[in-house]
Amino acid sequence: MVIEQLQPIETTEEKPKRPAKKKKPLWRKILGTVLYLAFVFGLVYYTPKALSNFLGTDYPLAAITSGSMWPELKKGDLIFIQGVKDAKKEIQVGEVIVYSNERNAFTIHRVIELKEDELITKGDANNISDQPISYTDVIGRLYKIGNYNARIPKLGFVSTSFSQFIKK
């Protein structure tokens, strides 16, 4: 039995070379950076305005800062708020609402009882209900997409960190 040894064949063909990348002129780099920053600024500035118009409220977003609504809403969730024109007519028992509390901060809890001039809320994880609030203190309700809460997990941490940074 004869075994032949294979020898590599030499070729004279060269692989085609890629054209060298041209360096961008400085003015083009600066223009690209300026356009990028303008885009980011526009996104940061106009997104809340567009959401305000779409959701019908001056406050389209809120961060969950406690565990009182666990497990439905978790600390750090960023929620979308749908505005209400007439809370007394629109809000129903079982809905999660956002209202302005006595400290002029937002509270996000579930409605457990409707009365003539006020409503009662309670955090899902809390043992006791909140003090009654006026219908005029209601800012909006948790926006839903079908049966799902409109929320972005963990993004609320960014929002609250940024707010604390600005306050300092």
N, C-alpha and C. Protein backbone atom coordinates (compact mmCIF):
# COMPACT_ATOMS: atom_id res chain seq x y z
N MET A 1 0.84 -1.16 0.00
CA MET A 1 0.00 0.00 0.00
C MET A 1 0.89 1.24 0.00
N VAL A 2 0.58 2.11 -0.92
CA VAL A 2 1.38 3.31 -1.07
C VAL A 2 0.57 4.50 -0.56
N ILE A 3 1.17 5.26 0.30
CA ILE A 3 0.51 6.47 0.81
C ILE A 3 1.26 7.66 0.26
N GLU A 4 0.53 8.48 -0.42
CA GLU A 4 1.16 9.67 -0.97
C GLU A 4 1.03 10.82 0.01
N GLN A 5 2.08 11.55 0.07
CA GLN A 5 2.05 12.71 0.94
C GLN A 5 1.59 13.91 0.13
N LEU A 6 0.62 14.62 0.69
CA LEU A 6 0.10 15.78 -0.02
C LEU A 6 0.94 17.00 0.28
N GLN A 7 1.24 17.70 -0.75
CA GLN A 7 2.02 18.92 -0.62
C GLN A 7 1.11 20.11 -0.91
N PRO A 8 1.25 21.18 -0.14
CA PRO A 8 0.43 22.36 -0.44
C PRO A 8 0.82 22.94 -1.79
N ILE A 9 -0.17 23.41 -2.48
CA ILE A 9 0.07 24.01 -3.78
C ILE A 9 0.29 25.50 -3.56
N GLU A 10 1.32 25.97 -4.14
CA GLU A 10 1.60 27.40 -4.01
C GLU A 10 0.86 28.14 -5.11
N THR A 11 0.26 29.26 -4.70
CA THR A 11 -0.43 30.08 -5.70
C THR A 11 0.21 31.44 -5.73
N THR A 12 0.12 32.03 -6.85
CA THR A 12 0.68 33.37 -6.99
C THR A 12 -0.38 34.45 -6.87
N GLU A 13 -1.63 34.01 -6.71
CA GLU A 13 -2.71 35.00 -6.58
C GLU A 13 -2.67 35.63 -5.20
N GLU A 14 -2.83 36.93 -5.17
CA GLU A 14 -2.89 37.63 -3.89
C GLU A 14 -4.34 37.92 -3.54
N LYS A 15 -4.60 37.90 -2.25
CA LYS A 15 -5.94 38.24 -1.80
C LYS A 15 -6.17 39.72 -2.05
N PRO A 16 -7.40 40.06 -2.47
CA PRO A 16 -7.65 41.48 -2.70
C PRO A 16 -7.58 42.23 -1.37
N LYS A 17 -6.93 43.36 -1.39
CA LYS A 17 -6.78 44.16 -0.18
C LYS A 17 -7.97 45.09 -0.04
N ARG A 18 -8.37 45.26 1.20
CA ARG A 18 -9.45 46.21 1.47
C ARG A 18 -8.89 47.62 1.32
N PRO A 19 -9.74 48.48 0.78
CA PRO A 19 -9.25 49.86 0.68
C PRO A 19 -9.06 50.44 2.08
N ALA A 20 -8.05 51.21 2.24
CA ALA A 20 -7.76 51.82 3.54
C ALA A 20 -8.89 52.78 3.90
N LYS A 21 -9.25 52.77 5.19
CA LYS A 21 -10.32 53.67 5.64
C LYS A 21 -9.80 55.10 5.61
N LYS A 22 -10.64 55.94 5.04
CA LYS A 22 -10.28 57.35 5.00
C LYS A 22 -10.61 57.97 6.35
N LYS A 23 -9.74 58.78 6.84
CA LYS A 23 -10.01 59.47 8.10
C LYS A 23 -11.02 60.57 7.83
N LYS A 24 -11.99 60.65 8.77
CA LYS A 24 -13.00 61.69 8.63
C LYS A 24 -12.37 63.03 9.01
N PRO A 25 -12.75 64.06 8.28
CA PRO A 25 -12.25 65.39 8.65
C PRO A 25 -12.80 65.79 10.02
N LEU A 26 -12.09 66.64 10.71
CA LEU A 26 -12.47 67.09 12.04
C LEU A 26 -13.85 67.72 12.05
N TRP A 27 -14.17 68.52 11.04
CA TRP A 27 -15.47 69.19 11.01
C TRP A 27 -16.61 68.17 10.96
N ARG A 28 -16.35 67.04 10.29
CA ARG A 28 -17.38 66.01 10.18
C ARG A 28 -17.59 65.28 11.52
N LYS A 29 -16.51 65.06 12.25
CA LYS A 29 -16.61 64.46 13.58
C LYS A 29 -17.39 65.38 14.51
N ILE A 30 -17.08 66.66 14.46
CA ILE A 30 -17.77 67.65 15.31
C ILE A 30 -19.24 67.70 14.95
N LEU A 31 -19.55 67.74 13.66
CA LEU A 31 -20.95 67.77 13.21
C LEU A 31 -21.69 66.52 13.68
N GLY A 32 -21.07 65.37 13.57
CA GLY A 32 -21.69 64.12 14.03
C GLY A 32 -21.99 64.15 15.53
N THR A 33 -21.05 64.66 16.30
CA THR A 33 -21.25 64.77 17.76
C THR A 33 -22.37 65.74 18.09
N VAL A 34 -22.39 66.88 17.42
CA VAL A 34 -23.44 67.88 17.66
C VAL A 34 -24.81 67.30 17.30
N LEU A 35 -24.92 66.63 16.17
CA LEU A 35 -26.19 66.02 15.77
C LEU A 35 -26.63 64.94 16.76
N TYR A 36 -25.69 64.14 17.23
CA TYR A 36 -26.01 63.10 18.22
C TYR A 36 -26.53 63.74 19.50
N LEU A 37 -25.84 64.76 20.00
CA LEU A 37 -26.28 65.43 21.23
C LEU A 37 -27.64 66.10 21.04
N ALA A 38 -27.88 66.68 19.87
CA ALA A 38 -29.19 67.29 19.59
C ALA A 38 -30.29 66.23 19.59
N PHE A 39 -29.99 65.06 19.05
CA PHE A 39 -30.96 63.97 19.04
C PHE A 39 -31.28 63.52 20.46
N VAL A 40 -30.25 63.31 21.28
CA VAL A 40 -30.46 62.88 22.67
C VAL A 40 -31.24 63.94 23.43
N PHE A 41 -30.88 65.21 23.27
CA PHE A 41 -31.60 66.29 23.94
C PHE A 41 -33.07 66.29 23.51
N GLY A 42 -33.31 66.18 22.22
CA GLY A 42 -34.68 66.16 21.71
C GLY A 42 -35.47 65.00 22.27
N LEU A 43 -34.84 63.85 22.36
CA LEU A 43 -35.50 62.67 22.91
C LEU A 43 -35.86 62.89 24.38
N VAL A 44 -34.90 63.40 25.15
CA VAL A 44 -35.13 63.64 26.58
C VAL A 44 -36.17 64.74 26.79
N TYR A 45 -36.13 65.77 25.98
CA TYR A 45 -37.02 66.91 26.16
C TYR A 45 -38.43 66.65 25.63
N TYR A 46 -38.53 66.06 24.44
CA TYR A 46 -39.84 65.94 23.80
C TYR A 46 -40.62 64.67 24.13
N THR A 47 -39.95 63.61 24.57
CA THR A 47 -40.68 62.38 24.90
C THR A 47 -41.71 62.61 25.99
N PRO A 48 -41.36 63.26 27.12
CA PRO A 48 -42.40 63.53 28.13
C PRO A 48 -43.53 64.41 27.60
N LYS A 49 -43.21 65.37 26.75
CA LYS A 49 -44.25 66.23 26.18
C LYS A 49 -45.20 65.42 25.30
N ALA A 50 -44.64 64.55 24.48
CA ALA A 50 -45.47 63.71 23.62
C ALA A 50 -46.32 62.75 24.46
N LEU A 51 -45.72 62.18 25.50
CA LEU A 51 -46.48 61.30 26.39
C LEU A 51 -47.58 62.06 27.11
N SER A 52 -47.30 63.29 27.51
CA SER A 52 -48.33 64.12 28.17
C SER A 52 -49.53 64.30 27.27
N ASN A 53 -49.27 64.61 26.02
CA ASN A 53 -50.37 64.78 25.06
C ASN A 53 -51.12 63.48 24.83
N PHE A 54 -50.39 62.39 24.67
CA PHE A 54 -51.00 61.10 24.39
C PHE A 54 -51.82 60.58 25.57
N LEU A 55 -51.29 60.72 26.78
CA LEU A 55 -51.94 60.17 27.97
C LEU A 55 -52.87 61.16 28.67
N GLY A 56 -52.88 62.41 28.23
CA GLY A 56 -53.81 63.39 28.78
C GLY A 56 -53.52 63.82 30.20
N THR A 57 -52.25 63.96 30.53
CA THR A 57 -51.86 64.40 31.87
C THR A 57 -50.54 65.16 31.83
N ASP A 58 -50.36 66.05 32.79
CA ASP A 58 -49.08 66.75 32.89
C ASP A 58 -48.00 65.86 33.49
N TYR A 59 -48.40 64.75 34.07
CA TYR A 59 -47.47 63.83 34.73
C TYR A 59 -47.62 62.43 34.12
N PRO A 60 -47.00 62.19 32.96
CA PRO A 60 -47.21 60.90 32.29
C PRO A 60 -46.41 59.74 32.86
N LEU A 61 -45.41 60.03 33.68
CA LEU A 61 -44.55 58.98 34.22
C LEU A 61 -44.37 59.14 35.72
N ALA A 62 -44.24 58.03 36.41
CA ALA A 62 -43.93 58.06 37.85
C ALA A 62 -43.13 56.82 38.20
N ALA A 63 -42.22 57.00 39.14
CA ALA A 63 -41.40 55.88 39.60
C ALA A 63 -42.00 55.30 40.88
N ILE A 64 -41.98 53.99 40.98
CA ILE A 64 -42.42 53.32 42.19
C ILE A 64 -41.25 53.35 43.17
N THR A 65 -41.45 53.99 44.32
CA THR A 65 -40.35 54.19 45.27
C THR A 65 -40.48 53.37 46.55
N SER A 66 -41.52 52.56 46.64
CA SER A 66 -41.67 51.71 47.82
C SER A 66 -42.22 50.35 47.40
N GLY A 67 -42.32 49.47 48.35
CA GLY A 67 -42.84 48.13 48.06
C GLY A 67 -44.31 47.98 48.37
N SER A 68 -45.03 49.09 48.55
CA SER A 68 -46.43 49.01 48.98
C SER A 68 -47.37 48.40 47.94
N MET A 69 -46.97 48.37 46.68
CA MET A 69 -47.83 47.80 45.64
C MET A 69 -47.32 46.45 45.13
N TRP A 70 -46.37 45.87 45.86
CA TRP A 70 -45.85 44.56 45.49
C TRP A 70 -46.95 43.53 45.64
N PRO A 71 -47.12 42.56 44.79
CA PRO A 71 -46.25 42.16 43.69
C PRO A 71 -46.62 42.76 42.34
N GLU A 72 -47.74 43.49 42.25
CA GLU A 72 -48.16 44.03 40.95
C GLU A 72 -47.17 45.06 40.41
N LEU A 73 -46.74 45.95 41.27
CA LEU A 73 -45.75 46.96 40.90
C LEU A 73 -44.59 46.84 41.87
N LYS A 74 -43.40 46.85 41.33
CA LYS A 74 -42.22 46.65 42.17
C LYS A 74 -41.43 47.95 42.30
N LYS A 75 -40.72 48.06 43.41
CA LYS A 75 -39.86 49.22 43.62
C LYS A 75 -38.90 49.33 42.44
N GLY A 76 -38.81 50.52 41.87
CA GLY A 76 -37.95 50.74 40.72
C GLY A 76 -38.68 50.70 39.39
N ASP A 77 -39.94 50.28 39.37
CA ASP A 77 -40.71 50.31 38.13
C ASP A 77 -41.00 51.76 37.74
N LEU A 78 -40.97 52.03 36.46
CA LEU A 78 -41.42 53.32 35.94
C LEU A 78 -42.76 53.06 35.28
N ILE A 79 -43.80 53.74 35.77
CA ILE A 79 -45.15 53.48 35.25
C ILE A 79 -45.62 54.64 34.39
N PHE A 80 -46.54 54.32 33.50
CA PHE A 80 -47.18 55.32 32.66
C PHE A 80 -48.53 55.66 33.29
N ILE A 81 -48.83 56.95 33.35
CA ILE A 81 -50.05 57.42 34.00
C ILE A 81 -51.00 57.99 32.96
N GLN A 82 -52.24 57.52 32.98
CA GLN A 82 -53.28 58.04 32.09
C GLN A 82 -54.08 59.07 32.88
N GLY A 83 -54.21 60.26 32.34
CA GLY A 83 -54.95 61.32 33.02
C GLY A 83 -56.44 61.03 33.09
N VAL A 84 -57.10 61.62 34.07
CA VAL A 84 -58.56 61.52 34.19
C VAL A 84 -59.11 62.93 34.28
N LYS A 85 -60.21 63.18 33.59
CA LYS A 85 -60.83 64.51 33.61
C LYS A 85 -61.76 64.65 34.81
N ASP A 86 -62.55 63.63 35.09
CA ASP A 86 -63.50 63.66 36.19
C ASP A 86 -63.37 62.35 36.98
N ALA A 87 -62.52 62.39 37.99
CA ALA A 87 -62.22 61.18 38.76
C ALA A 87 -63.46 60.55 39.36
N LYS A 88 -64.40 61.37 39.79
CA LYS A 88 -65.61 60.84 40.43
C LYS A 88 -66.40 59.95 39.48
N LYS A 89 -66.39 60.29 38.19
CA LYS A 89 -67.13 59.51 37.19
C LYS A 89 -66.29 58.39 36.58
N GLU A 90 -64.99 58.61 36.47
CA GLU A 90 -64.14 57.68 35.72
C GLU A 90 -63.49 56.57 36.54
N ILE A 91 -63.14 56.85 37.78
CA ILE A 91 -62.39 55.89 38.59
C ILE A 91 -63.31 54.81 39.14
N GLN A 92 -62.81 53.58 39.14
CA GLN A 92 -63.59 52.44 39.64
C GLN A 92 -62.81 51.71 40.74
N VAL A 93 -63.53 51.01 41.58
CA VAL A 93 -62.90 50.18 42.61
C VAL A 93 -62.02 49.14 41.91
N GLY A 94 -60.82 48.95 42.43
CA GLY A 94 -59.89 47.98 41.87
C GLY A 94 -58.81 48.60 41.00
N GLU A 95 -59.03 49.84 40.55
CA GLU A 95 -58.02 50.49 39.71
C GLU A 95 -56.87 51.01 40.55
N VAL A 96 -55.69 51.03 39.96
CA VAL A 96 -54.53 51.64 40.59
C VAL A 96 -54.50 53.10 40.13
N ILE A 97 -54.50 54.01 41.12
CA ILE A 97 -54.50 55.43 40.79
C ILE A 97 -53.26 56.11 41.34
N VAL A 98 -53.01 57.30 40.82
CA VAL A 98 -51.94 58.15 41.29
C VAL A 98 -52.60 59.41 41.83
N TYR A 99 -52.26 59.77 43.06
CA TYR A 99 -52.84 60.99 43.63
C TYR A 99 -51.78 61.78 44.37
N SER A 100 -52.06 63.05 44.53
CA SER A 100 -51.17 63.95 45.25
C SER A 100 -51.49 63.85 46.73
N ASN A 101 -50.49 63.49 47.54
CA ASN A 101 -50.73 63.33 48.97
C ASN A 101 -50.48 64.65 49.72
N GLU A 102 -50.56 64.60 51.04
CA GLU A 102 -50.44 65.82 51.86
C GLU A 102 -49.05 66.44 51.77
N ARG A 103 -48.05 65.70 51.33
CA ARG A 103 -46.69 66.24 51.17
C ARG A 103 -46.44 66.73 49.74
N ASN A 104 -47.48 66.79 48.93
CA ASN A 104 -47.38 67.16 47.52
C ASN A 104 -46.49 66.20 46.73
N ALA A 105 -46.47 64.97 47.17
CA ALA A 105 -45.77 63.90 46.44
C ALA A 105 -46.84 62.96 45.90
N PHE A 106 -46.44 62.08 45.01
CA PHE A 106 -47.39 61.12 44.45
C PHE A 106 -47.50 59.89 45.34
N THR A 107 -48.70 59.37 45.45
CA THR A 107 -48.95 58.07 46.05
C THR A 107 -49.63 57.23 44.97
N ILE A 108 -49.19 56.00 44.84
CA ILE A 108 -49.72 55.10 43.82
C ILE A 108 -50.29 53.88 44.55
N HIS A 109 -51.61 53.85 44.68
CA HIS A 109 -52.29 52.76 45.40
C HIS A 109 -53.57 52.37 44.68
N ARG A 110 -54.15 51.26 45.13
CA ARG A 110 -55.37 50.73 44.53
C ARG A 110 -56.59 51.29 45.25
N VAL A 111 -57.63 51.62 44.47
CA VAL A 111 -58.90 52.09 45.03
C VAL A 111 -59.64 50.90 45.61
N ILE A 112 -60.04 51.01 46.90
CA ILE A 112 -60.78 49.91 47.52
C ILE A 112 -62.22 50.31 47.86
N GLU A 113 -62.50 51.63 47.84
CA GLU A 113 -63.86 52.07 48.16
C GLU A 113 -64.10 53.46 47.59
N LEU A 114 -65.29 53.64 47.01
CA LEU A 114 -65.71 54.95 46.51
C LEU A 114 -66.82 55.49 47.40
N LYS A 115 -66.66 56.74 47.82
CA LYS A 115 -67.69 57.39 48.63
C LYS A 115 -68.19 58.60 47.84
N GLU A 116 -69.13 59.32 48.42
CA GLU A 116 -69.73 60.47 47.73
C GLU A 116 -68.69 61.53 47.37
N ASP A 117 -67.89 61.97 48.33
CA ASP A 117 -66.95 63.06 48.09
C ASP A 117 -65.48 62.66 48.19
N GLU A 118 -65.22 61.40 48.44
CA GLU A 118 -63.84 60.96 48.59
C GLU A 118 -63.72 59.47 48.25
N LEU A 119 -62.49 59.03 48.18
CA LEU A 119 -62.26 57.62 47.91
C LEU A 119 -61.19 57.09 48.85
N ILE A 120 -61.18 55.79 49.02
CA ILE A 120 -60.23 55.14 49.92
C ILE A 120 -59.31 54.26 49.07
N THR A 121 -58.01 54.34 49.36
CA THR A 121 -57.03 53.53 48.65
C THR A 121 -56.24 52.70 49.65
N LYS A 122 -55.50 51.75 49.10
CA LYS A 122 -54.66 50.90 49.94
C LYS A 122 -53.57 50.30 49.05
N GLY A 123 -52.37 50.26 49.56
CA GLY A 123 -51.30 49.57 48.87
C GLY A 123 -51.55 48.07 48.93
N ASP A 124 -51.30 47.36 47.86
CA ASP A 124 -51.56 45.91 47.82
C ASP A 124 -50.81 45.16 48.93
N ALA A 125 -49.62 45.62 49.29
CA ALA A 125 -48.82 44.94 50.31
C ALA A 125 -49.06 45.51 51.71
N ASN A 126 -49.89 46.53 51.83
CA ASN A 126 -50.15 47.14 53.14
C ASN A 126 -51.27 46.42 53.87
N ASN A 127 -51.23 46.48 55.19
CA ASN A 127 -52.25 45.84 56.02
C ASN A 127 -53.46 46.74 56.25
N ILE A 128 -53.26 48.05 56.21
CA ILE A 128 -54.37 48.97 56.48
C ILE A 128 -54.55 49.92 55.30
N SER A 129 -55.75 50.46 55.20
CA SER A 129 -56.06 51.39 54.11
C SER A 129 -55.51 52.78 54.43
N ASP A 130 -55.46 53.61 53.41
CA ASP A 130 -54.99 54.99 53.55
C ASP A 130 -56.12 55.87 54.06
N GLN A 131 -55.76 57.09 54.44
CA GLN A 131 -56.77 58.08 54.80
C GLN A 131 -57.58 58.42 53.55
N PRO A 132 -58.86 58.77 53.70
CA PRO A 132 -59.66 59.14 52.53
C PRO A 132 -59.03 60.32 51.79
N ILE A 133 -59.16 60.31 50.48
CA ILE A 133 -58.66 61.43 49.66
C ILE A 133 -59.79 61.99 48.83
N SER A 134 -59.64 63.24 48.47
CA SER A 134 -60.63 63.91 47.63
C SER A 134 -60.45 63.48 46.18
N TYR A 135 -61.53 63.47 45.45
CA TYR A 135 -61.46 63.14 44.02
C TYR A 135 -60.58 64.15 43.27
N THR A 136 -60.51 65.37 43.78
CA THR A 136 -59.70 66.40 43.11
C THR A 136 -58.20 66.15 43.25
N ASP A 137 -57.80 65.29 44.18
CA ASP A 137 -56.38 64.98 44.35
C ASP A 137 -55.89 63.90 43.37
N VAL A 138 -56.83 63.28 42.67
CA VAL A 138 -56.46 62.21 41.73
C VAL A 138 -55.80 62.82 40.50
N ILE A 139 -54.62 62.35 40.18
CA ILE A 139 -53.87 62.82 39.02
C ILE A 139 -54.16 61.94 37.81
N GLY A 140 -54.28 60.65 38.04
CA GLY A 140 -54.54 59.74 36.94
C GLY A 140 -54.58 58.31 37.42
N ARG A 141 -54.63 57.42 36.46
CA ARG A 141 -54.67 55.98 36.74
C ARG A 141 -53.50 55.31 36.03
N LEU A 142 -53.18 54.12 36.51
CA LEU A 142 -52.13 53.33 35.87
C LEU A 142 -52.60 52.98 34.46
N TYR A 143 -51.82 53.35 33.46
CA TYR A 143 -52.16 53.08 32.07
C TYR A 143 -51.99 51.58 31.80
N LYS A 144 -52.94 51.02 31.09
CA LYS A 144 -52.90 49.59 30.77
C LYS A 144 -52.87 49.41 29.26
N ILE A 145 -52.16 48.40 28.84
CA ILE A 145 -52.15 47.99 27.44
C ILE A 145 -52.78 46.60 27.44
N GLY A 146 -54.04 46.54 27.05
CA GLY A 146 -54.79 45.29 27.20
C GLY A 146 -54.98 45.03 28.68
N ASN A 147 -54.54 43.87 29.13
CA ASN A 147 -54.61 43.53 30.55
C ASN A 147 -53.29 43.74 31.28
N TYR A 148 -52.32 44.35 30.60
CA TYR A 148 -50.99 44.50 31.17
C TYR A 148 -50.74 45.94 31.61
N ASN A 149 -50.07 46.08 32.75
CA ASN A 149 -49.67 47.40 33.24
C ASN A 149 -48.59 47.96 32.34
N ALA A 150 -48.72 49.23 32.00
CA ALA A 150 -47.69 49.90 31.20
C ALA A 150 -46.60 50.34 32.17
N ARG A 151 -45.55 49.56 32.23
CA ARG A 151 -44.46 49.85 33.15
C ARG A 151 -43.15 49.38 32.55
N ILE A 152 -42.08 50.00 32.99
CA ILE A 152 -40.75 49.59 32.56
C ILE A 152 -39.98 49.22 33.83
N PRO A 153 -39.73 47.93 34.04
CA PRO A 153 -39.02 47.51 35.26
C PRO A 153 -37.64 48.16 35.37
N LYS A 154 -37.30 48.54 36.57
CA LYS A 154 -35.97 49.06 36.95
C LYS A 154 -35.68 50.48 36.45
N LEU A 155 -36.37 50.99 35.46
CA LEU A 155 -36.06 52.32 34.94
C LEU A 155 -36.41 53.42 35.94
N GLY A 156 -37.30 53.14 36.86
CA GLY A 156 -37.64 54.11 37.90
C GLY A 156 -36.45 54.42 38.79
N PHE A 157 -35.52 53.47 38.95
CA PHE A 157 -34.32 53.73 39.74
C PHE A 157 -33.50 54.85 39.11
N VAL A 158 -33.42 54.85 37.78
CA VAL A 158 -32.68 55.90 37.07
C VAL A 158 -33.36 57.24 37.32
N SER A 159 -34.68 57.26 37.20
CA SER A 159 -35.45 58.49 37.39
C SER A 159 -35.26 59.05 38.80
N THR A 160 -35.39 58.21 39.82
CA THR A 160 -35.26 58.70 41.19
C THR A 160 -33.82 59.11 41.50
N SER A 161 -32.84 58.39 40.98
CA SER A 161 -31.44 58.77 41.19
C SER A 161 -31.15 60.11 40.55
N PHE A 162 -31.67 60.32 39.35
CA PHE A 162 -31.47 61.59 38.65
C PHE A 162 -32.13 62.73 39.42
N SER A 163 -33.34 62.50 39.93
CA SER A 163 -34.05 63.52 40.71
C SER A 163 -33.28 63.88 41.97
N GLN A 164 -32.74 62.88 42.65
CA GLN A 164 -31.97 63.15 43.86
C GLN A 164 -30.68 63.89 43.54
N PHE A 165 -30.07 63.58 42.40
CA PHE A 165 -28.85 64.27 41.98
C PHE A 165 -29.13 65.75 41.72
N ILE A 166 -30.26 66.05 41.09
CA ILE A 166 -30.61 67.44 40.77
C ILE A 166 -30.93 68.23 42.03
N LYS A 167 -31.56 67.58 43.02
CA LYS A 167 -31.92 68.27 44.26
C LYS A 167 -30.70 68.70 45.07
N LYS A 168 -29.57 68.01 44.89
CA LYS A 168 -28.36 68.32 45.68
C LYS A 168 -27.70 69.58 45.23
